[in-house]
């Protein structure tokens, strides 16, 4: 009876620890993707030319990893990558377990249909985290992914930046 009870208790301990760590990483990843998306859109708004793609306001509809072309520090995508990294997430970070991808365009966002945006920035942050106890029973890794979209939008006659997803 004691052996059966201990096995059950260890299973619940594994579940609690692994889910707790995954929840914590997800909250951090969400903060990083939100900060990155808002920084990219704010950079576009600050240029005043957010309705036109160019050298600073980069349009890249397909997600690409940070560090790829167009994510130089002074561009909109570069700002998004910089703020995601300042919040603890970068492509190849944490011993290669993290990825940060960015995309942007002047058309309607694919992740926020119906939002009339002059320009949008999407940041996707993911990390593979090891399971501490549950790996014995199942896969040794958990995968956490978050996505945020910020846009330059018109609200009550004013142009502003809003987190739309």
C-alpha atoms as a PDB file:
ATOM      1  CA  UNK A   1       0.000   0.000   0.000  1.00  0.00           C
ATOM      2  CA  UNK A   2       2.821   2.396   0.894  1.00  0.00           C
ATOM      3  CA  UNK A   3       4.634   1.700  -2.396  1.00  0.00           C
ATOM      4  CA  UNK A   4       1.452   2.306  -4.386  1.00  0.00           C
ATOM      5  CA  UNK A   5       0.715   5.518  -2.476  1.00  0.00           C
ATOM      6  CA  UNK A   6       4.298   6.782  -2.966  1.00  0.00           C
ATOM      7  CA  UNK A   7       4.138   6.083  -6.702  1.00  0.00           C
ATOM      8  CA  UNK A   8       0.882   8.013  -6.986  1.00  0.00           C
ATOM      9  CA  UNK A   9       2.252  10.909  -4.914  1.00  0.00           C
ATOM     10  CA  UNK A  10       5.395  11.069  -7.080  1.00  0.00           C
ATOM     11  CA  UNK A  11       3.194  11.200 -10.179  1.00  0.00           C
ATOM     12  CA  UNK A  12       1.243  14.134  -8.789  1.00  0.00           C
ATOM     13  CA  UNK A  13       4.495  15.838  -7.742  1.00  0.00           C
ATOM     14  CA  UNK A  14       5.837  15.432 -11.282  1.00  0.00           C
ATOM     15  CA  UNK A  15       2.666  16.870 -12.748  1.00  0.00           C
ATOM     16  CA  UNK A  16       2.660  19.844 -10.379  1.00  0.00           C
ATOM     17  CA  UNK A  17       6.326  20.725 -10.917  1.00  0.00           C
ATOM     18  CA  UNK A  18       6.317  20.288 -14.698  1.00  0.00           C
ATOM     19  CA  UNK A  19       3.068  22.197 -15.215  1.00  0.00           C
ATOM     20  CA  UNK A  20       4.238  24.945 -12.844  1.00  0.00           C
ATOM     21  CA  UNK A  21       7.512  25.425 -14.714  1.00  0.00           C
ATOM     22  CA  UNK A  22       5.728  25.406 -18.086  1.00  0.00           C
ATOM     23  CA  UNK A  23       3.250  28.010 -16.820  1.00  0.00           C
ATOM     24  CA  UNK A  24       6.075  30.232 -15.580  1.00  0.00           C
ATOM     25  CA  UNK A  25       7.957  29.993 -18.896  1.00  0.00           C
ATOM     26  CA  UNK A  26       4.753  30.694 -20.816  1.00  0.00           C
ATOM     27  CA  UNK A  27       4.095  33.863 -18.820  1.00  0.00           C
ATOM     28  CA  UNK A  28       7.665  35.047 -19.500  1.00  0.00           C
ATOM     29  CA  UNK A  29       7.356  34.164 -23.205  1.00  0.00           C
ATOM     30  CA  UNK A  30       4.056  36.069 -23.456  1.00  0.00           C
ATOM     31  CA  UNK A  31       5.644  39.153 -21.882  1.00  0.00           C
ATOM     32  CA  UNK A  32       8.559  38.935 -24.345  1.00  0.00           C
ATOM     33  CA  UNK A  33       6.319  38.539 -27.406  1.00  0.00           C
ATOM     34  CA  UNK A  34       4.028  41.375 -26.253  1.00  0.00           C
ATOM     35  CA  UNK A  35       6.995  43.699 -25.646  1.00  0.00           C
ATOM     36  CA  UNK A  36       8.537  42.834 -29.001  1.00  0.00           C
ATOM     37  CA  UNK A  37       5.341  43.365 -30.985  1.00  0.00           C
ATOM     38  CA  UNK A  38       4.592  46.671 -29.268  1.00  0.00           C
ATOM     39  CA  UNK A  39       8.167  47.911 -29.766  1.00  0.00           C
ATOM     40  CA  UNK A  40       8.096  47.105 -33.476  1.00  0.00           C
ATOM     41  CA  UNK A  41       4.761  48.831 -34.029  1.00  0.00           C
ATOM     42  CA  UNK A  42       5.811  51.820 -31.911  1.00  0.00           C
ATOM     43  CA  UNK A  43       8.973  52.160 -33.980  1.00  0.00           C
ATOM     44  CA  UNK A  44       6.841  52.233 -37.136  1.00  0.00           C
ATOM     45  CA  UNK A  45       4.510  54.845 -35.636  1.00  0.00           C
ATOM     46  CA  UNK A  46       7.506  56.962 -34.632  1.00  0.00           C
ATOM     47  CA  UNK A  47       8.776  57.107 -38.214  1.00  0.00           C
ATOM     48  CA  UNK A  48       5.540  58.595 -39.509  1.00  0.00           C
ATOM     49  CA  UNK A  49       5.769  56.444 -42.673  1.00  0.00           C
ATOM     50  CA  UNK A  50       4.077  53.332 -41.294  1.00  0.00           C
ATOM     51  CA  UNK A  51       1.847  52.935 -44.362  1.00  0.00           C
ATOM     52  CA  UNK A  52       4.804  52.355 -46.687  1.00  0.00           C
ATOM     53  CA  UNK A  53       7.417  49.596 -46.595  1.00  0.00           C
ATOM     54  CA  UNK A  54      11.004  50.754 -46.704  1.00  0.00           C
ATOM     55  CA  UNK A  55      14.399  50.608 -45.058  1.00  0.00           C
ATOM     56  CA  UNK A  56      13.142  51.217 -41.513  1.00  0.00           C
ATOM     57  CA  UNK A  57       9.514  50.114 -41.725  1.00  0.00           C
ATOM     58  CA  UNK A  58      10.217  46.587 -42.901  1.00  0.00           C
ATOM     59  CA  UNK A  59       7.503  44.453 -44.517  1.00  0.00           C
ATOM     60  CA  UNK A  60       8.085  40.731 -44.151  1.00  0.00           C
ATOM     61  CA  UNK A  61       4.768  38.826 -44.216  1.00  0.00           C
ATOM     62  CA  UNK A  62       6.349  35.405 -43.637  1.00  0.00           C
ATOM     63  CA  UNK A  63       7.823  34.857 -40.160  1.00  0.00           C
ATOM     64  CA  UNK A  64      11.617  34.739 -40.033  1.00  0.00           C
ATOM     65  CA  UNK A  65      13.971  34.202 -37.130  1.00  0.00           C
ATOM     66  CA  UNK A  66      15.457  37.253 -35.460  1.00  0.00           C
ATOM     67  CA  UNK A  67      18.844  38.045 -36.916  1.00  0.00           C
ATOM     68  CA  UNK A  68      17.636  37.398 -40.466  1.00  0.00           C
ATOM     69  CA  UNK A  69      17.609  40.124 -43.081  1.00  0.00           C
ATOM     70  CA  UNK A  70      15.583  43.162 -42.138  1.00  0.00           C
ATOM     71  CA  UNK A  71      16.042  42.810 -38.388  1.00  0.00           C
ATOM     72  CA  UNK A  72      18.874  45.325 -38.052  1.00  0.00           C
ATOM     73  CA  UNK A  73      18.551  47.179 -34.722  1.00  0.00           C
ATOM     74  CA  UNK A  74      17.139  50.397 -36.188  1.00  0.00           C
ATOM     75  CA  UNK A  75      14.305  48.728 -38.153  1.00  0.00           C
ATOM     76  CA  UNK A  76      10.836  47.863 -36.918  1.00  0.00           C
ATOM     77  CA  UNK A  77      11.660  44.148 -36.852  1.00  0.00           C
ATOM     78  CA  UNK A  78      15.001  44.856 -35.204  1.00  0.00           C
ATOM     79  CA  UNK A  79      13.176  46.708 -32.426  1.00  0.00           C
ATOM     80  CA  UNK A  80      10.836  43.750 -32.010  1.00  0.00           C
ATOM     81  CA  UNK A  81      13.775  41.337 -31.710  1.00  0.00           C
ATOM     82  CA  UNK A  82      15.630  43.659 -29.324  1.00  0.00           C
ATOM     83  CA  UNK A  83      12.701  43.976 -26.922  1.00  0.00           C
ATOM     84  CA  UNK A  84      12.002  40.244 -26.988  1.00  0.00           C
ATOM     85  CA  UNK A  85      15.649  39.621 -26.083  1.00  0.00           C
ATOM     86  CA  UNK A  86      15.531  42.247 -23.320  1.00  0.00           C
ATOM     87  CA  UNK A  87      12.680  40.191 -21.875  1.00  0.00           C
ATOM     88  CA  UNK A  88      14.742  37.005 -21.856  1.00  0.00           C
ATOM     89  CA  UNK A  89      14.032  35.409 -25.255  1.00  0.00           C
ATOM     90  CA  UNK A  90      16.292  35.356 -28.302  1.00  0.00           C
ATOM     91  CA  UNK A  91      16.802  33.011 -31.241  1.00  0.00           C
ATOM     92  CA  UNK A  92      19.193  30.328 -30.048  1.00  0.00           C
ATOM     93  CA  UNK A  93      18.933  31.553 -26.455  1.00  0.00           C
ATOM     94  CA  UNK A  94      18.978  29.324 -23.371  1.00  0.00           C
ATOM     95  CA  UNK A  95      21.373  26.825 -24.948  1.00  0.00           C
ATOM     96  CA  UNK A  96      19.522  26.732 -28.257  1.00  0.00           C
ATOM     97  CA  UNK A  97      16.094  25.959 -26.821  1.00  0.00           C
ATOM     98  CA  UNK A  98      14.524  29.336 -27.679  1.00  0.00           C
ATOM     99  CA  UNK A  99      13.317  30.769 -30.994  1.00  0.00           C
ATOM    100  CA  UNK A 100      11.992  34.232 -31.780  1.00  0.00           C
ATOM    101  CA  UNK A 101      10.327  34.868 -35.151  1.00  0.00           C
ATOM    102  CA  UNK A 102       9.018  38.165 -36.477  1.00  0.00           C
ATOM    103  CA  UNK A 103       6.769  39.198 -39.344  1.00  0.00           C
ATOM    104  CA  UNK A 104       5.160  42.453 -40.438  1.00  0.00           C
ATOM    105  CA  UNK A 105       3.249  44.067 -43.270  1.00  0.00           C
ATOM    106  CA  UNK A 106       0.957  46.932 -44.181  1.00  0.00           C
ATOM    107  CA  UNK A 107      -2.007  44.718 -45.059  1.00  0.00           C
ATOM    108  CA  UNK A 108      -4.523  43.240 -42.616  1.00  0.00           C
ATOM    109  CA  UNK A 109      -2.841  40.958 -40.093  1.00  0.00           C
ATOM    110  CA  UNK A 110      -3.355  37.227 -40.670  1.00  0.00           C
ATOM    111  CA  UNK A 111      -3.684  36.701 -36.914  1.00  0.00           C
ATOM    112  CA  UNK A 112      -6.131  39.541 -36.306  1.00  0.00           C
ATOM    113  CA  UNK A 113      -8.693  39.476 -39.128  1.00  0.00           C
ATOM    114  CA  UNK A 114     -11.084  42.381 -39.211  1.00  0.00           C
ATOM    115  CA  UNK A 115      -8.633  44.802 -37.594  1.00  0.00           C
ATOM    116  CA  UNK A 116      -7.994  47.717 -39.960  1.00  0.00           C
ATOM    117  CA  UNK A 117      -4.299  48.274 -39.374  1.00  0.00           C
ATOM    118  CA  UNK A 118      -1.931  50.629 -41.161  1.00  0.00           C
ATOM    119  CA  UNK A 119       0.995  48.387 -40.158  1.00  0.00           C
ATOM    120  CA  UNK A 120       1.298  45.313 -37.963  1.00  0.00           C
ATOM    121  CA  UNK A 121       4.124  43.401 -36.303  1.00  0.00           C
ATOM    122  CA  UNK A 122       3.846  39.786 -35.165  1.00  0.00           C
ATOM    123  CA  UNK A 123       6.304  38.214 -32.732  1.00  0.00           C
ATOM    124  CA  UNK A 124       6.300  34.494 -32.007  1.00  0.00           C
ATOM    125  CA  UNK A 125       8.361  33.242 -29.077  1.00  0.00           C
ATOM    126  CA  UNK A 126       8.906  29.583 -28.274  1.00  0.00           C
ATOM    127  CA  UNK A 127      11.039  27.467 -25.972  1.00  0.00           C
ATOM    128  CA  UNK A 128      11.557  23.781 -25.376  1.00  0.00           C
ATOM    129  CA  UNK A 129      11.802  23.152 -21.651  1.00  0.00           C
ATOM    130  CA  UNK A 130      12.915  19.930 -19.999  1.00  0.00           C
ATOM    131  CA  UNK A 131      10.513  17.978 -17.838  1.00  0.00           C
ATOM    132  CA  UNK A 132      11.907  17.433 -14.376  1.00  0.00           C
ATOM    133  CA  UNK A 133       9.869  14.431 -13.314  1.00  0.00           C
ATOM    134  CA  UNK A 134       7.310  13.700 -16.015  1.00  0.00           C
ATOM    135  CA  UNK A 135       9.995  12.858 -18.585  1.00  0.00           C
ATOM    136  CA  UNK A 136      10.225   9.385 -17.108  1.00  0.00           C
ATOM    137  CA  UNK A 137       6.659   8.680 -18.145  1.00  0.00           C
ATOM    138  CA  UNK A 138       6.474  10.590 -21.410  1.00  0.00           C
ATOM    139  CA  UNK A 139       8.471  12.908 -23.684  1.00  0.00           C
ATOM    140  CA  UNK A 140      11.415  14.578 -21.901  1.00  0.00           C
ATOM    141  CA  UNK A 141      10.536  18.023 -23.335  1.00  0.00           C
ATOM    142  CA  UNK A 142       7.599  20.430 -23.172  1.00  0.00           C
ATOM    143  CA  UNK A 143       7.094  22.995 -25.921  1.00  0.00           C
ATOM    144  CA  UNK A 144       5.837  26.485 -25.030  1.00  0.00           C
ATOM    145  CA  UNK A 145       4.837  28.972 -27.768  1.00  0.00           C
ATOM    146  CA  UNK A 146       3.211  32.402 -27.651  1.00  0.00           C
ATOM    147  CA  UNK A 147       2.286  34.864 -30.391  1.00  0.00           C
ATOM    148  CA  UNK A 148       1.536  38.573 -30.145  1.00  0.00           C
ATOM    149  CA  UNK A 149       0.419  41.022 -32.816  1.00  0.00           C
ATOM    150  CA  UNK A 150       0.597  44.789 -32.397  1.00  0.00           C
ATOM    151  CA  UNK A 151      -0.678  47.247 -34.978  1.00  0.00           C
ATOM    152  CA  UNK A 152      -0.691  50.919 -35.836  1.00  0.00           C
ATOM    153  CA  UNK A 153      -4.424  51.685 -35.833  1.00  0.00           C
ATOM    154  CA  UNK A 154      -6.834  54.608 -35.961  1.00  0.00           C
ATOM    155  CA  UNK A 155      -8.817  55.022 -32.729  1.00  0.00           C
ATOM    156  CA  UNK A 156     -11.227  57.918 -32.336  1.00  0.00           C
ATOM    157  CA  UNK A 157      -9.411  59.939 -34.982  1.00  0.00           C
ATOM    158  CA  UNK A 158      -5.961  59.401 -33.462  1.00  0.00           C
ATOM    159  CA  UNK A 159      -3.236  57.063 -34.656  1.00  0.00           C
ATOM    160  CA  UNK A 160      -1.902  54.788 -31.942  1.00  0.00           C
ATOM    161  CA  UNK A 161      -0.327  51.397 -31.289  1.00  0.00           C
ATOM    162  CA  UNK A 162      -2.516  48.590 -29.974  1.00  0.00           C
ATOM    163  CA  UNK A 163      -1.933  44.979 -29.057  1.00  0.00           C
ATOM    164  CA  UNK A 164      -4.511  43.184 -31.204  1.00  0.00           C
ATOM    165  CA  UNK A 165      -3.680  39.587 -30.325  1.00  0.00           C
END
